[in-house]
Protein backbone atom coordinates (compact mmCIF):
# COMPACT_ATOMS: atom_id res chain seq x y z
CA MET A 1 153.81 92.39 81.27
CA LYS A 2 155.85 90.02 83.37
CA ALA A 3 154.80 89.36 86.95
CA LYS A 4 158.06 90.87 88.22
CA ASP A 5 157.37 94.13 86.35
CA PHE A 6 153.75 94.13 87.47
CA ASP A 7 154.78 93.71 91.12
CA GLN A 8 157.39 96.43 90.81
CA ALA A 9 154.89 98.86 89.28
CA PHE A 10 152.42 98.10 92.07
CA GLU A 11 155.05 98.59 94.77
CA GLN A 12 156.00 101.94 93.25
CA GLY A 13 152.38 103.08 93.44
CA GLU A 14 151.81 103.15 89.69
CA ASP A 15 148.33 102.70 88.24
CA ILE A 16 148.22 99.01 87.32
CA SER A 17 144.49 98.91 86.58
CA LYS A 18 145.08 99.01 82.81
CA HIS A 19 146.73 95.59 83.15
CA LEU A 20 143.76 94.03 84.97
CA ASN A 21 140.49 92.65 83.68
CA LEU A 22 138.19 93.75 86.50
CA ASN A 23 135.16 92.14 84.83
CA THR A 24 136.50 88.70 85.71
CA ALA A 25 138.30 89.57 88.97
CA ARG A 26 137.30 87.46 91.98
CA ARG A 27 138.05 87.37 95.66
CA SER A 28 138.39 83.64 96.22
CA GLU A 29 137.60 83.67 99.93
CA LEU A 30 134.30 85.46 99.28
CA GLU A 31 132.97 83.17 96.56
CA GLN A 32 129.78 81.35 97.46
CA LYS A 33 129.53 77.58 97.79
CA ARG A 34 126.19 75.91 98.32
CA VAL A 35 125.92 73.35 101.13
CA ASN A 36 122.95 71.41 102.43
CA VAL A 37 122.38 71.05 106.15
CA ASP A 38 119.55 69.17 107.80
CA PHE A 39 118.14 70.70 111.00
CA PRO A 40 115.54 69.30 113.38
CA VAL A 41 112.14 70.95 112.98
CA TRP A 42 112.32 72.60 116.41
CA MET A 43 115.59 74.26 115.41
CA VAL A 44 114.14 75.59 112.16
CA HIS A 45 111.23 77.07 114.13
CA GLN A 46 113.63 78.76 116.55
CA LEU A 47 115.79 80.04 113.70
CA ASP A 48 112.74 81.46 111.95
CA LYS A 49 111.52 83.11 115.15
CA GLU A 50 114.88 84.77 115.80
CA ALA A 51 115.33 85.74 112.15
CA LYS A 52 111.91 87.41 112.15
CA ARG A 53 112.74 89.25 115.37
CA LEU A 54 115.94 90.59 113.79
CA GLY A 55 114.31 91.26 110.42
CA VAL A 56 116.60 88.96 108.44
CA THR A 57 116.22 85.68 106.58
CA ARG A 58 116.86 82.26 108.07
CA GLN A 59 119.90 81.89 105.82
CA SER A 60 121.28 85.23 106.98
CA ILE A 61 120.99 84.41 110.65
CA ILE A 62 122.67 81.03 110.16
CA LYS A 63 125.55 82.70 108.29
CA MET A 64 125.86 85.47 110.89
CA TRP A 65 125.96 83.05 113.82
CA LEU A 66 128.41 80.71 112.10
CA ALA A 67 130.69 83.62 111.20
CA GLU A 68 130.62 84.88 114.81
CA HIS A 69 131.43 81.45 116.16
CA LEU A 70 134.25 80.86 113.67
CA LYS A 71 135.80 84.25 114.49
CA GLU A 72 135.69 83.46 118.20
CA ALA A 73 137.23 80.03 117.61
CA ALA A 74 140.08 81.44 115.50
């Protein structure tokens, strides 16, 4: 199926799922990328304390706080 026909079918509300391979579909902005960040020991202790208080992992709290800050900055 040509892209033009695919787009037209989608715009007309047709079921296009038969033309998609959902096993390999990806949402590029949600893919994970590993990064390494060095923190001072005092900061790690504070992160761990706050993460424990909230019942989440250190990684989760770092991601949550970064996401909040990036949304505010946008």
